[in-house]
Amino acid sequence: EEVLSAYVWRGDVGAPEMLGEYQRAPDAAPALRTEGIWRSSTELTVTMPVRDSTHAQIALATVVFSLAPENEAFAVLSTRILASAAAIAALLTLVLAMMSRRTIVRPLVSLVALARALEEGAAVQAVSRSNDEIGRLGSALMRMASAVASREQAIATKNADLRRVLDNVQQGFLILARSGRL
C-alpha cells in the first residue's frame, strides 16, 4: 500500500521510452529523474538502473513510496514521548518536593520552634544535627541558647547578690563620681 507509483524507462534521461507504469492515483505524472533517492514530507522516490547479466544498464526504474504510514506513526510516537516526558517531569517534581520538604522544610520548622522557645524563655531541646547548612544553623542556635542561658544565670546571681546587700542595709548609699559630683 505504500507504493504510489512505479515506472520503467528504456534509455537514458535525454531520450526515454516508457516500458511500463503503475499508478495508484490516476493524476500522478511520471517523473523521470536521474539515479538517486529523493524525499519530500509525504513521498520517497527511488530511481535506480536496471542491469542485465553483463551489468549493462538496460532501463531505469522509479518507485514512489508514500510516507503517510510513517508520518502517522511518527505523530503517534511523538505524542507518546511528550506524554511520557510530562509524566516523568511531574513525578520528578513530586519527588523533589517531598525530598525538599524532608531535608529543608522540617528542619527549618524545628529551628523556628526552637527560636520561639528561646524567645519565650522556655528550656530548649537539642535539635537534630545534620552536616549541612541547616544543621550548622541549628548548632549555632543551640550554642547561642547556651550562651544566653549562662548569661541569664550570671545576671540572676548578680541580682541575688545585690538584693541581699540592699535588703541588709539600714541606711542609704552615696555615690561619688570621679568629677566630684555627689
Protein backbone atom coordinates (compact mmCIF):
# COMPACT_ATOMS: atom_id res chain seq x y z
CA GLU A 1 0.00 0.00 0.00
CA GLU A 2 2.96 2.31 0.43
CA VAL A 3 3.81 2.21 -3.31
CA LEU A 4 2.11 5.17 -5.00
CA SER A 5 3.58 4.65 -8.46
CA ALA A 6 6.30 2.83 -10.36
CA TYR A 7 7.79 3.49 -13.83
CA VAL A 8 10.33 1.74 -16.04
CA TRP A 9 12.04 3.58 -18.91
CA ARG A 10 14.30 2.29 -21.58
CA GLY A 11 17.19 4.52 -22.49
CA ASP A 12 18.57 7.48 -20.61
CA VAL A 13 17.08 10.68 -19.25
CA GLY A 14 17.61 12.51 -22.56
CA ALA A 15 15.54 10.12 -24.76
CA PRO A 16 13.38 7.90 -22.57
CA GLU A 17 10.84 5.36 -23.73
CA MET A 18 8.35 4.24 -21.08
CA LEU A 19 8.16 0.46 -20.87
CA GLY A 20 5.66 0.17 -18.04
CA GLU A 21 3.95 2.02 -15.25
CA TYR A 22 1.85 1.54 -12.14
CA GLN A 23 -0.12 4.41 -10.64
CA ARG A 24 -2.28 4.27 -7.57
CA ALA A 25 -3.57 7.80 -8.18
CA PRO A 26 -4.62 8.42 -11.83
CA ASP A 27 -3.45 12.05 -11.83
CA ALA A 28 0.14 11.23 -10.85
CA ALA A 29 2.54 12.38 -13.51
CA PRO A 30 5.59 10.18 -14.14
CA ALA A 31 8.81 11.96 -13.34
CA LEU A 32 11.97 10.69 -14.95
CA ARG A 33 14.91 11.51 -12.76
CA THR A 34 18.49 10.56 -12.72
CA GLU A 35 19.66 7.77 -10.47
CA GLY A 36 19.21 8.53 -6.76
CA ILE A 37 16.84 8.87 -3.83
CA TRP A 38 14.63 11.94 -3.18
CA ARG A 39 12.49 12.60 -0.17
CA SER A 40 9.68 15.06 0.46
CA SER A 41 7.48 15.28 3.55
CA THR A 42 4.94 12.88 2.01
CA GLU A 43 6.88 10.76 -0.52
CA LEU A 44 10.11 8.88 -1.06
CA THR A 45 11.22 8.48 -4.70
CA VAL A 46 13.87 5.94 -5.65
CA THR A 47 15.33 5.80 -9.17
CA MET A 48 17.85 3.07 -9.96
CA PRO A 49 19.23 1.48 -13.13
CA VAL A 50 18.06 -1.95 -14.25
CA ARG A 51 21.03 -4.04 -15.43
CA ASP A 52 21.34 -7.23 -17.44
CA SER A 53 23.55 -10.21 -16.59
CA THR A 54 26.60 -8.40 -18.01
CA HIS A 55 25.87 -5.39 -15.74
CA ALA A 56 24.98 -3.19 -18.71
CA GLN A 57 22.18 -0.70 -17.98
CA ILE A 58 19.06 -1.67 -19.95
CA ALA A 59 16.47 0.53 -18.21
CA LEU A 60 15.80 2.98 -15.44
CA ALA A 61 13.18 2.17 -12.77
CA THR A 62 11.48 4.69 -10.49
CA VAL A 63 9.32 3.76 -7.49
CA VAL A 64 7.44 6.38 -5.45
CA PHE A 65 6.59 5.37 -1.88
CA SER A 66 4.08 7.07 0.41
CA LEU A 67 5.38 8.22 3.78
CA ALA A 68 1.87 8.61 5.24
CA PRO A 69 2.08 5.50 7.50
CA GLU A 70 5.49 6.58 8.77
CA ASN A 71 4.30 10.15 9.32
CA GLU A 72 1.27 8.87 11.23
CA ALA A 73 3.43 6.51 13.31
CA PHE A 74 5.84 9.40 13.98
CA ALA A 75 2.96 11.61 15.15
CA VAL A 76 1.69 8.88 17.49
CA LEU A 77 5.19 8.25 18.80
CA SER A 78 5.77 11.99 19.30
CA THR A 79 2.57 12.22 21.32
CA ARG A 80 3.57 9.24 23.45
CA ILE A 81 7.04 10.67 24.04
CA LEU A 82 5.56 14.02 25.03
CA ALA A 83 3.09 12.36 27.42
CA SER A 84 5.86 10.20 28.90
CA ALA A 85 8.14 13.21 29.35
CA ALA A 86 5.33 15.14 31.05
CA ALA A 87 4.62 12.21 33.38
CA ILE A 88 8.31 11.84 34.24
CA ALA A 89 8.61 15.58 34.85
CA ALA A 90 5.58 15.51 37.15
CA LEU A 91 6.96 12.52 39.03
CA LEU A 92 10.37 14.16 39.43
CA THR A 93 8.71 17.36 40.64
CA LEU A 94 6.77 15.39 43.24
CA VAL A 95 9.89 13.52 44.39
CA LEU A 96 11.91 16.74 44.62
CA ALA A 97 9.11 18.45 46.55
CA MET A 98 8.97 15.56 49.02
CA MET A 99 12.75 15.49 49.40
CA SER A 100 12.95 19.26 49.92
CA ARG A 101 10.18 19.07 52.49
CA ARG A 102 12.02 16.38 54.37
CA THR A 103 15.52 17.84 54.15
CA ILE A 104 14.77 21.57 54.27
CA VAL A 105 11.29 22.45 55.49
CA ARG A 106 11.08 20.11 58.52
CA PRO A 107 14.47 21.15 59.94
CA LEU A 108 13.61 24.81 59.40
CA VAL A 109 10.28 24.36 61.20
CA SER A 110 12.10 22.83 64.17
CA LEU A 111 14.57 25.75 64.18
CA VAL A 112 11.68 28.23 64.19
CA ALA A 113 10.13 26.35 67.12
CA LEU A 114 13.48 26.47 68.93
CA ALA A 115 13.75 30.23 68.32
CA ARG A 116 10.21 30.76 69.67
CA ALA A 117 11.03 28.70 72.75
CA LEU A 118 14.12 30.85 73.31
CA GLU A 119 12.02 34.00 72.87
CA GLU A 120 9.56 32.80 75.50
CA GLY A 121 12.35 31.82 77.88
CA ALA A 122 11.47 28.14 77.84
CA ALA A 123 14.06 25.43 78.15
CA VAL A 124 15.32 24.39 74.73
CA GLN A 125 15.82 20.90 73.48
CA ALA A 126 18.62 19.82 71.19
CA VAL A 127 17.83 19.91 67.51
CA SER A 128 18.85 17.16 65.16
CA ARG A 129 22.36 17.72 63.89
CA SER A 130 22.88 17.18 60.22
CA ASN A 131 26.06 18.04 58.35
CA ASP A 132 24.54 20.71 56.12
CA GLU A 133 23.77 24.42 56.41
CA ILE A 134 20.59 23.84 58.36
CA GLY A 135 22.42 21.55 60.80
CA ARG A 136 25.15 24.16 61.29
CA LEU A 137 22.50 26.83 61.83
CA GLY A 138 20.83 24.62 64.44
CA SER A 139 24.17 24.05 66.19
CA ALA A 140 24.84 27.80 66.20
CA LEU A 141 21.37 28.44 67.60
CA MET A 142 21.98 25.87 70.35
CA ARG A 143 25.32 27.50 71.22
CA MET A 144 23.61 30.88 71.31
CA ALA A 145 20.86 29.47 73.56
CA SER A 146 23.51 28.05 75.88
CA ALA A 147 25.35 31.40 76.00
CA VAL A 148 22.10 33.28 76.69
CA ALA A 149 21.20 30.82 79.47
CA SER A 150 24.63 31.14 81.12
CA ARG A 151 24.44 34.95 80.90
CA GLU A 152 20.95 34.94 82.36
CA GLN A 153 22.23 32.75 85.18
CA ALA A 154 25.13 35.13 85.82
CA ILE A 155 22.74 38.12 85.82
CA ALA A 156 20.37 36.30 88.18
CA THR A 157 23.31 35.55 90.53
CA LYS A 158 24.45 39.20 90.48
CA ASN A 159 20.87 40.38 91.06
CA ALA A 160 20.54 38.00 94.02
CA ASP A 161 23.81 39.31 95.49
CA LEU A 162 22.71 42.91 95.03
CA ARG A 163 19.29 42.13 96.51
CA ARG A 164 20.99 40.56 99.55
CA VAL A 165 23.13 43.69 100.05
CA LEU A 166 20.20 46.06 99.61
CA ASP A 167 17.98 44.01 101.93
CA ASN A 168 20.61 44.15 104.71
CA VAL A 169 21.45 47.85 104.59
CA GLN A 170 19.55 50.05 107.08
CA GLN A 171 20.94 53.26 105.70
CA GLY A 172 21.35 54.65 102.16
CA PHE A 173 24.25 54.85 99.74
CA LEU A 174 26.02 57.90 98.45
CA ILE A 175 27.72 57.54 95.10
CA LEU A 176 30.58 59.88 94.25
CA ALA A 177 31.57 60.33 90.62
CA ARG A 178 35.20 60.98 89.59
CA SER A 179 34.33 64.53 88.78
CA GLY A 180 33.46 65.04 92.43
CA ARG A 181 29.79 65.13 91.90
CA LEU A 182 27.69 63.52 94.63
